[in-house]
Protein backbone atom coordinates (compact mmCIF):
# COMPACT_ATOMS: atom_id res chain seq x y z
CA UNK A 1 -7.28 -18.96 -20.84
CA UNK A 2 -5.50 -22.74 -21.26
CA UNK A 3 -6.01 -23.80 -17.88
CA UNK A 4 -9.93 -22.83 -18.40
CA UNK A 5 -10.33 -25.11 -21.09
CA UNK A 6 -9.64 -22.22 -23.89
CA UNK A 7 -7.59 -23.44 -27.12
CA UNK A 8 -4.79 -20.95 -27.34
CA UNK A 9 -2.61 -19.75 -30.15
CA UNK A 10 0.02 -17.13 -29.25
CA UNK A 11 1.85 -15.33 -32.25
CA UNK A 12 4.16 -13.13 -31.77
CA UNK A 13 5.98 -10.92 -34.51
CA UNK A 14 9.17 -11.12 -32.22
CA UNK A 15 11.85 -13.32 -31.86
CA UNK A 16 11.97 -13.82 -28.38
CA UNK A 17 9.34 -14.55 -25.24
CA UNK A 18 7.54 -11.11 -23.63
CA UNK A 19 6.69 -8.39 -26.44
CA UNK A 20 7.45 -4.61 -24.58
CA UNK A 21 8.59 -6.51 -21.46
CA UNK A 22 11.34 -8.82 -22.76
CA UNK A 23 14.68 -8.52 -21.28
CA UNK A 24 17.45 -8.58 -24.33
CA UNK A 25 20.48 -10.92 -24.52
CA UNK A 26 22.84 -10.74 -25.24
CA UNK A 27 24.31 -7.18 -24.51
CA UNK A 28 25.29 -6.71 -28.19
CA UNK A 29 21.18 -6.64 -29.04
CA UNK A 30 21.24 -4.25 -26.51
CA UNK A 31 23.42 -2.05 -28.29
CA UNK A 32 21.64 -2.82 -31.45
CA UNK A 33 18.11 -1.67 -30.26
CA UNK A 34 18.36 1.67 -28.90
CA UNK A 35 21.00 2.29 -32.51
CA UNK A 36 24.50 2.32 -30.60
CA UNK A 37 27.11 2.50 -32.98
CA UNK A 38 29.97 -0.57 -32.65
CA UNK A 39 29.90 -3.52 -30.55
CA UNK A 40 29.69 -3.24 -26.75
CA UNK A 41 33.48 -2.10 -24.85
CA UNK A 42 35.64 -5.04 -23.19
CA UNK A 43 34.56 -3.61 -19.83
CA UNK A 44 31.54 -5.24 -20.10
CA UNK A 45 32.48 -8.99 -19.88
CA UNK A 46 30.76 -11.44 -22.22
CA UNK A 47 27.21 -10.58 -24.14
CA UNK A 48 25.40 -13.57 -23.31
CA UNK A 49 25.90 -12.77 -19.19
CA UNK A 50 23.73 -9.72 -19.57
CA UNK A 51 19.95 -10.10 -18.99
CA UNK A 52 18.60 -6.75 -19.42
CA UNK A 53 14.65 -5.99 -18.91
CA UNK A 54 13.30 -3.34 -21.35
CA UNK A 55 10.33 -2.15 -18.01
CA UNK A 56 11.56 -1.90 -15.17
CA UNK A 57 9.27 -3.84 -12.75
CA UNK A 58 9.87 -5.75 -9.34
CA UNK A 59 6.93 -8.56 -7.54
CA UNK A 60 5.26 -7.94 -4.39
CA UNK A 61 5.76 -10.97 -2.09
CA UNK A 62 2.25 -10.64 -1.29
CA UNK A 63 0.65 -9.68 -4.36
CA UNK A 64 -1.59 -10.92 -7.35
CA UNK A 65 1.33 -11.58 -9.55
CA UNK A 66 2.99 -13.90 -6.83
CA UNK A 67 -0.03 -15.35 -6.16
CA UNK A 68 -0.74 -16.03 -9.93
CA UNK A 69 2.45 -18.06 -10.12
CA UNK A 70 2.30 -19.97 -6.94
CA UNK A 71 -1.61 -20.84 -8.15
CA UNK A 72 -0.57 -22.00 -11.89
CA UNK A 73 2.77 -23.27 -10.73
CA UNK A 74 4.96 -21.19 -12.76
CA UNK A 75 7.12 -21.11 -9.68
CA UNK A 76 8.39 -24.61 -10.60
CA UNK A 77 10.10 -22.86 -14.00
CA UNK A 78 10.94 -20.42 -11.42
CA UNK A 79 14.14 -18.62 -8.98
CA UNK A 80 13.30 -15.44 -7.30
CA UNK A 81 15.26 -13.28 -5.03
CA UNK A 82 14.37 -11.21 -2.35
CA UNK A 83 15.24 -7.04 -3.75
CA UNK A 84 17.84 -6.07 -0.54
CA UNK A 85 16.40 -2.54 0.42
CA UNK A 86 13.78 -0.28 -0.75
CA UNK A 87 15.20 3.91 -0.30
CA UNK A 88 13.02 7.28 -0.77
CA UNK A 89 14.61 10.14 -1.74
CA UNK A 90 14.25 13.44 0.45
CA UNK A 91 15.96 16.81 0.97
CA UNK A 92 18.42 15.38 -2.01
CA UNK A 93 19.49 12.39 -0.26
CA UNK A 94 18.50 8.73 -0.36
CA UNK A 95 16.71 6.84 2.97
CA UNK A 96 16.09 3.80 3.70
CA UNK A 97 12.07 2.88 3.79
CA UNK A 98 12.00 1.27 7.29
CA UNK A 99 11.63 -2.37 6.84
CA UNK A 100 11.12 -3.19 10.71
CA UNK A 101 9.83 -1.51 14.28
CA UNK A 102 13.78 -1.06 15.19
CA UNK A 103 14.49 0.16 11.35
CA UNK A 104 11.65 2.86 11.85
CA UNK A 105 12.65 3.67 15.13
CA UNK A 106 16.65 4.75 14.10
CA UNK A 107 15.90 6.14 11.19
CA UNK A 108 16.75 9.88 10.31
CA UNK A 109 13.25 9.70 7.89
CA UNK A 110 11.12 11.41 10.60
CA UNK A 111 11.48 13.26 13.98
CA UNK A 112 10.60 10.95 17.85
CA UNK A 113 7.31 12.08 18.63
CA UNK A 114 6.48 11.84 14.34
CA UNK A 115 7.64 8.44 14.88
CA UNK A 116 5.23 7.48 17.54
CA UNK A 117 2.34 9.18 15.77
CA UNK A 118 3.57 7.11 12.50
CA UNK A 119 3.35 4.34 14.54
CA UNK A 120 -0.31 4.25 15.98
CA UNK A 121 -1.13 4.63 12.26
CA UNK A 122 0.70 1.70 11.14
CA UNK A 123 -1.07 -0.54 14.43
CA UNK A 124 -4.43 0.80 12.95
CA UNK A 125 -3.66 -0.03 9.38
CA UNK A 126 -2.74 -3.37 10.72
CA UNK A 127 -5.88 -4.00 12.95
CA UNK A 128 -7.79 -2.36 9.78
CA UNK A 129 -10.34 -5.10 8.58
CA UNK A 130 -13.08 -3.67 6.03
CA UNK A 131 -15.33 -6.39 7.52
CA UNK A 132 -15.10 -5.10 10.91
CA UNK A 133 -16.67 -1.64 11.53
CA UNK A 134 -15.30 -2.11 15.42
CA UNK A 135 -11.94 -1.57 13.71
CA UNK A 136 -12.87 1.52 12.40
CA UNK A 137 -12.38 3.92 15.00
CA UNK A 138 -14.80 6.32 13.37
CA UNK A 139 -13.57 6.41 9.90
CA UNK A 140 -16.14 5.54 7.43
CA UNK A 141 -13.32 3.30 4.92
CA UNK A 142 -15.56 4.25 1.46
CA UNK A 143 -16.15 8.05 2.34
CA UNK A 144 -13.74 9.30 5.11
CA UNK A 145 -10.56 10.85 2.40
CA UNK A 146 -7.08 9.33 3.36
CA UNK A 147 -6.47 13.12 3.76
CA UNK A 148 -8.39 12.91 7.09
CA UNK A 149 -7.16 9.84 8.12
CA UNK A 150 -3.93 11.40 8.09
CA UNK A 151 -5.20 14.50 9.99
CA UNK A 152 -6.82 12.05 12.39
CA UNK A 153 -3.31 10.87 13.15
CA UNK A 154 -1.61 14.21 13.08
CA UNK A 155 1.07 13.26 10.35
CA UNK A 156 3.02 15.46 9.06
CA UNK A 157 4.10 16.54 5.70
CA UNK A 158 7.20 14.63 4.75
CA UNK A 159 6.05 11.46 6.66
CA UNK A 160 2.58 11.38 4.01
CA UNK A 161 5.08 11.76 1.49
CA UNK A 162 6.14 8.65 2.22
CA UNK A 163 3.35 6.89 2.88
CA UNK A 164 1.66 7.46 0.30
CA UNK A 165 4.71 7.04 -2.22
CA UNK A 166 7.09 4.51 -0.57
CA UNK A 167 4.33 2.47 0.89
CA UNK A 168 0.95 2.59 -0.47
CA UNK A 169 2.80 3.08 -4.14
CA UNK A 170 0.75 5.83 -5.30
CA UNK A 171 2.20 7.72 -8.71
CA UNK A 172 0.64 11.05 -8.17
CA UNK A 173 -1.37 12.32 -5.52
CA UNK A 174 -4.87 12.17 -6.46
CA UNK A 175 -5.74 9.71 -3.90
CA UNK A 176 -5.14 12.30 -1.36
CA UNK A 177 -9.40 12.80 -1.79
CA UNK A 178 -10.14 9.53 -2.38
CA UNK A 179 -12.01 7.32 0.22
CA UNK A 180 -9.27 5.71 2.14
CA UNK A 181 -9.98 2.22 2.27
CA UNK A 182 -7.86 1.48 -1.08
CA UNK A 183 -4.96 3.21 0.53
CA UNK A 184 -5.19 1.20 4.00
CA UNK A 185 -5.28 -1.75 1.62
CA UNK A 186 -2.17 -0.88 -0.57
CA UNK A 187 -0.10 -0.58 3.13
CA UNK A 188 -1.59 -3.12 3.93
CA UNK A 189 -0.01 -5.30 0.89
CA UNK A 190 3.35 -3.43 1.31
CA UNK A 191 3.22 -4.63 5.36
CA UNK A 192 2.09 -8.53 4.40
CA UNK A 193 4.90 -8.51 1.45
CA UNK A 194 7.80 -6.94 3.74
CA UNK A 195 6.61 -9.83 6.77
CA UNK A 196 7.46 -12.48 4.40
CA UNK A 197 11.12 -12.07 3.11
CA UNK A 198 12.54 -9.11 5.58
CA UNK A 199 14.41 -7.13 3.39
CA UNK A 200 11.93 -5.52 0.97
CA UNK A 201 8.52 -6.49 -0.22
CA UNK A 202 10.34 -7.48 -3.53
CA UNK A 203 11.10 -10.09 -5.54
CA UNK A 204 12.69 -10.44 -8.63
CA UNK A 205 13.60 -13.38 -10.90
CA UNK A 206 17.08 -14.72 -11.85
CA UNK A 207 17.95 -14.25 -15.48
CA UNK A 208 15.26 -11.46 -15.50
CA UNK A 209 11.85 -10.56 -16.10
CA UNK A 210 11.73 -12.57 -19.26
CA UNK A 211 11.29 -15.64 -17.26
CA UNK A 212 8.20 -14.58 -16.44
CA UNK A 213 6.60 -14.83 -19.98
CA UNK A 214 8.82 -18.17 -20.39
CA UNK A 215 6.66 -19.83 -17.16
CA UNK A 216 3.44 -19.06 -18.59
CA UNK A 217 3.95 -20.24 -21.85
CA UNK A 218 5.62 -23.11 -20.34
CA UNK A 219 2.23 -23.38 -18.39
CA UNK A 220 0.03 -22.85 -21.18
CA UNK A 221 1.79 -25.83 -23.52
CA UNK A 222 0.69 -28.18 -20.47
CA UNK A 223 -2.65 -27.47 -21.16
CA UNK A 224 -2.62 -27.67 -24.67
CA UNK A 225 -1.50 -23.76 -25.96
CA UNK A 226 0.68 -23.10 -28.92
CA UNK A 227 3.33 -20.80 -29.08
CA UNK A 228 4.08 -19.13 -32.21
CA UNK A 229 7.45 -16.68 -32.19
CA UNK A 230 8.69 -14.83 -35.13
CA UNK A 231 5.47 -14.58 -36.63
CA UNK A 232 4.34 -11.26 -38.93
CA UNK A 233 0.83 -9.96 -38.28
CA UNK A 234 -0.23 -8.96 -41.52
CA UNK A 235 -4.40 -8.67 -40.78
CA UNK A 236 -6.82 -9.12 -38.44
CA UNK A 237 -9.92 -10.33 -39.97
CA UNK A 238 -13.39 -9.09 -39.38
CA UNK A 239 -16.82 -10.25 -40.55
CA UNK A 240 -19.85 -8.53 -39.89
CA UNK A 241 -17.56 -5.89 -36.59
CA UNK A 242 -16.56 -9.13 -35.34
CA UNK A 243 -13.23 -11.09 -35.04
CA UNK A 244 -12.77 -14.45 -37.08
CA UNK A 245 -9.40 -14.65 -37.55
CA UNK A 246 -5.67 -13.27 -37.50
CA UNK A 247 -3.94 -13.68 -41.23
CA UNK A 248 -0.19 -14.21 -41.24
CA UNK A 249 2.17 -15.27 -43.97
CA UNK A 250 -1.10 -15.71 -46.24
CA UNK A 251 -2.46 -18.27 -43.69
CA UNK A 252 -5.87 -17.24 -41.68
CA UNK A 253 -5.59 -18.89 -38.20
CA UNK A 254 -9.31 -18.70 -37.04
CA UNK A 255 -10.47 -17.78 -33.69
CA UNK A 256 -13.69 -16.63 -31.62
CA UNK A 257 -11.67 -13.90 -29.30
CA UNK A 258 -8.14 -12.11 -30.04
CA UNK A 259 -5.98 -10.88 -26.72
CA UNK A 260 -3.25 -8.28 -28.14
CA UNK A 261 -1.15 -5.24 -26.83
CA UNK A 262 -1.97 -2.43 -28.44
CA UNK A 263 0.81 -2.54 -31.17
CA UNK A 264 -1.45 -4.62 -32.92
CA UNK A 265 -4.20 -2.78 -33.56
CA UNK A 266 -3.37 0.89 -33.73
CA UNK A 267 -6.70 2.33 -34.63
CA UNK A 268 -8.31 0.24 -31.53
CA UNK A 269 -6.19 2.44 -28.97
CA UNK A 270 -6.01 6.33 -27.89
CA UNK A 271 -2.69 7.79 -26.37
CA UNK A 272 -2.97 8.26 -22.66
CA UNK A 273 0.48 9.82 -21.92
CA UNK A 274 4.54 8.66 -22.21
CA UNK A 275 6.67 7.66 -20.06
CA UNK A 276 10.99 7.93 -20.67
CA UNK A 277 12.61 4.94 -18.95
CA UNK A 278 16.62 5.50 -18.51
CA UNK A 279 18.65 1.77 -18.89
CA UNK A 280 21.64 2.98 -16.70
CA UNK A 281 24.36 0.02 -16.38
CA UNK A 282 27.13 1.04 -13.56
CA UNK A 283 30.42 -0.39 -12.17
CA UNK A 284 29.64 0.49 -8.61
CA UNK A 285 25.95 -0.32 -6.21
CA UNK A 286 23.81 3.10 -5.97
CA UNK A 287 25.51 5.31 -2.97
CA UNK A 288 23.83 5.82 0.06
CA UNK A 289 22.51 1.84 -0.19
CA UNK A 290 24.55 0.42 2.23
CA UNK A 291 26.62 -1.36 -1.13
CA UNK A 292 22.89 -3.30 -1.21
CA UNK A 293 23.14 -5.53 -4.87
CA UNK A 294 19.58 -4.47 -5.67
CA UNK A 295 17.16 -2.09 -4.35
CA UNK A 296 14.65 0.60 -5.30
CA UNK A 297 14.28 4.25 -4.52
CA UNK A 298 11.38 6.13 -4.95
CA UNK A 299 11.58 9.98 -5.61
CA UNK A 300 8.31 11.83 -4.96
CA UNK A 301 7.00 13.95 -6.81
CA UNK A 302 6.42 16.65 -4.47
CA UNK A 303 10.64 16.48 -3.46
CA UNK A 304 11.30 17.47 -7.18
CA UNK A 305 8.10 19.58 -7.92
CA UNK A 306 6.55 17.05 -10.20
CA UNK A 307 3.21 16.35 -10.51
CA UNK A 308 4.10 11.81 -10.69
CA UNK A 309 6.75 10.01 -9.44
CA UNK A 310 10.51 9.20 -10.33
CA UNK A 311 11.07 5.65 -9.54
CA UNK A 312 14.97 3.53 -9.92
CA UNK A 313 14.86 -0.44 -9.72
CA UNK A 314 18.37 -1.36 -9.67
CA UNK A 315 19.73 -5.12 -10.01
CA UNK A 316 22.79 -6.71 -11.29
CA UNK A 317 25.37 -9.73 -11.67
CA UNK A 318 23.75 -11.22 -8.22
CA UNK A 319 20.49 -11.97 -10.21
CA UNK A 320 22.44 -13.60 -13.18
CA UNK A 321 21.21 -9.94 -15.57
CA UNK A 322 24.65 -8.79 -15.49
CA UNK A 323 28.42 -9.37 -16.47
CA UNK A 324 30.43 -10.10 -12.62
CA UNK A 325 30.75 -6.52 -10.52
CA UNK A 326 27.76 -5.21 -13.09
CA UNK A 327 24.92 -3.40 -11.87
CA UNK A 328 21.86 -2.39 -14.41
CA UNK A 329 19.83 0.45 -12.46
CA UNK A 330 16.87 2.08 -14.90
CA UNK A 331 14.85 5.18 -13.86
CA UNK A 332 11.53 5.49 -14.97
CA UNK A 333 8.56 8.10 -15.06
CA UNK A 334 6.13 9.71 -16.39
CA UNK A 335 6.13 12.26 -19.00
CA UNK A 336 4.77 16.32 -17.98
CA UNK A 337 7.21 18.20 -19.70
CA UNK A 338 8.23 18.59 -23.58
CA UNK A 339 12.17 17.48 -22.13
CA UNK A 340 11.83 14.31 -20.25
CA UNK A 341 15.23 13.30 -20.19
CA UNK A 342 15.21 16.63 -17.75
CA UNK A 343 12.88 15.34 -15.99
CA UNK A 344 14.55 12.04 -14.77
CA UNK A 345 17.74 14.15 -14.04
CA UNK A 346 17.11 13.64 -10.26
CA UNK A 347 17.81 9.51 -10.51
CA UNK A 348 20.44 10.30 -12.60
CA UNK A 349 22.28 12.16 -10.52
CA UNK A 350 21.79 9.55 -7.62
CA UNK A 351 23.49 6.88 -9.63
CA UNK A 352 26.58 8.96 -11.18
CA UNK A 353 28.86 7.89 -12.66
CA UNK A 354 27.44 5.95 -15.62
CA UNK A 355 29.06 3.26 -17.39
CA UNK A 356 26.66 3.54 -20.45
CA UNK A 357 22.72 4.86 -20.95
CA UNK A 358 20.20 3.39 -23.12
CA UNK A 359 17.39 5.95 -23.17
CA UNK A 360 13.40 5.18 -24.70
CA UNK A 361 10.11 7.47 -24.38
CA UNK A 362 7.22 5.21 -24.59
CA UNK A 363 3.96 6.13 -25.83
CA UNK A 364 1.13 4.92 -23.17
CA UNK A 365 -2.06 3.47 -24.89
CA UNK A 366 -5.58 2.16 -23.42
CA UNK A 367 -8.06 0.79 -25.85
CA UNK A 368 -11.30 2.84 -26.96
CA UNK A 369 -13.61 0.36 -26.58
CA UNK A 370 -14.27 -2.73 -23.92
CA UNK A 371 -14.00 -5.25 -27.07
CA UNK A 372 -17.59 -6.79 -26.33
CA UNK A 373 -18.55 -5.98 -29.34
CA UNK A 374 -15.59 -7.32 -31.64
CA UNK A 375 -14.35 -9.71 -29.26
CA UNK A 376 -10.67 -7.86 -29.01
CA UNK A 377 -9.67 -7.26 -26.09
CA UNK A 378 -6.50 -4.68 -25.71
CA UNK A 379 -4.35 -4.65 -23.02
CA UNK A 380 -3.07 -1.30 -21.66
CA UNK A 381 0.47 -0.52 -22.48
CA UNK A 382 2.81 -0.97 -19.08
CA UNK A 383 3.00 2.08 -17.24
CA UNK A 384 5.62 4.18 -15.16
CA UNK A 385 4.98 2.02 -11.09
CA UNK A 386 7.73 -0.56 -10.65
CA UNK A 387 5.65 -3.68 -10.04
CA UNK A 388 3.03 -5.68 -11.23
CA UNK A 389 -0.04 -4.73 -9.41
CA UNK A 390 -1.85 -2.58 -12.30
CA UNK A 391 -0.57 -4.84 -15.07
CA UNK A 392 -2.47 -7.67 -12.82
CA UNK A 393 -5.08 -5.32 -13.01
CA UNK A 394 -5.78 -5.23 -16.48
CA UNK A 395 -5.04 -9.17 -16.92
CA UNK A 396 -7.91 -9.26 -14.31
CA UNK A 397 -9.93 -7.00 -16.43
CA UNK A 398 -9.54 -8.51 -19.76
CA UNK A 399 -10.91 -12.07 -18.32
CA UNK A 400 -13.77 -10.41 -16.57
CA UNK A 401 -14.29 -8.86 -20.24
CA UNK A 402 -14.09 -11.80 -22.04
CA UNK A 403 -15.11 -14.71 -19.63
CA UNK A 404 -18.25 -13.16 -18.18
CA UNK A 405 -17.05 -13.72 -14.68
CA UNK A 406 -13.97 -12.33 -12.71
CA UNK A 407 -10.83 -14.10 -12.37
CA UNK A 408 -10.79 -16.59 -8.95
CA UNK A 409 -7.50 -17.72 -8.00
CA UNK A 410 -9.51 -20.51 -6.37
CA UNK A 411 -11.19 -21.88 -9.71
CA UNK A 412 -7.41 -21.66 -10.63
CA UNK A 413 -6.26 -24.13 -7.80
CA UNK A 414 -9.15 -26.68 -8.32
CA UNK A 415 -8.59 -26.78 -11.93
CA UNK A 416 -4.40 -27.15 -11.62
CA UNK A 417 -5.52 -30.39 -8.59
CA UNK A 418 -7.42 -32.03 -11.35
CA UNK A 419 -4.28 -31.96 -13.31
CA UNK A 420 -1.39 -32.69 -11.11
CA UNK A 421 -3.18 -34.38 -7.89
CA UNK A 422 -3.55 -33.38 -4.61
CA UNK A 423 0.11 -34.36 -3.22
CA UNK A 424 1.78 -32.36 -5.76
CA UNK A 425 0.37 -29.34 -4.26
CA UNK A 426 2.02 -29.84 -0.48
């Protein structure tokens, strides 16, 4: 918004950046936040060596958020590391999601003939171009379902599970009966992200995800945006059904448009579900991951008789988020029953022994209207996915509702060139 010439004032009731998706430091603050008695034991090292994300997410190397970060130059404030591997759960064990053709051929995830069929399918996906019907091979991307595409390549249930959930990153199986174009594009995004760095398609910022909102705050400031932390919001002032300002500490900051998360406007959102997240502190890498210092594990719903997948994101002292020799694994899933802790147990079993657990169950909210009348634009709550693609879709949707036009990466680039000059972009 600042880059597009809007005058932006950002008020946050918290003393830190990032709201729900902050990184908490020092460790003592995490213990307080989860109402754990006493201080962290000495075995946890120095409290300020910790930056613990409340919401676990990785960035797809070729995804929308990385594009936004590159185009807006927020990357100048951040350093990233590639996540060392992605793993998928099958029959009680975890297997590495193959990241090269050699790994795919050596993988025990599928039998020999299955591998050949899967390779054919991947070649088809790589060559698929929605603007060139010659690459469709009899498939209509807007009509043929993904189930039929899998049938066309004669792929078995295990491979379908792994493709839909570990590559296309769907949380449920609803996608099977929808047109295949979206799924094919998701698999392409995965492959292209993987091709950039080789080990996995995921990136993670040093010092935790809390660095992302801080980076955007700095960018906004360059374009004249103002940030105020520790600002309690007392009232959203509305006249004739339209927002005209925000009252804080007796003063009113006047505005024409307002963006906020659901926690500021409980009367304008509806509950659409719940997510359970368990932050686990470990003193060891996760078993069967080749001692990786970071990884993602996906437990497809079919494998544990559920409707939605369970995810594990693991990072460690290598990312400046934990004390030396410590690992942070965060398990998350969409709640389906009255006993969410039981639902997430298959993930926690993979992490044992766990030194300390922090459990949170959060309601998911979505806005009840588009904000066109009131000019109050409300984001959706962070979901259980382990990447930022759905969050970016939400940001682009809010942008479109506010500005009346699609978010344009190229336009961002041009605006940036006006300020920094072309040479800096090289």
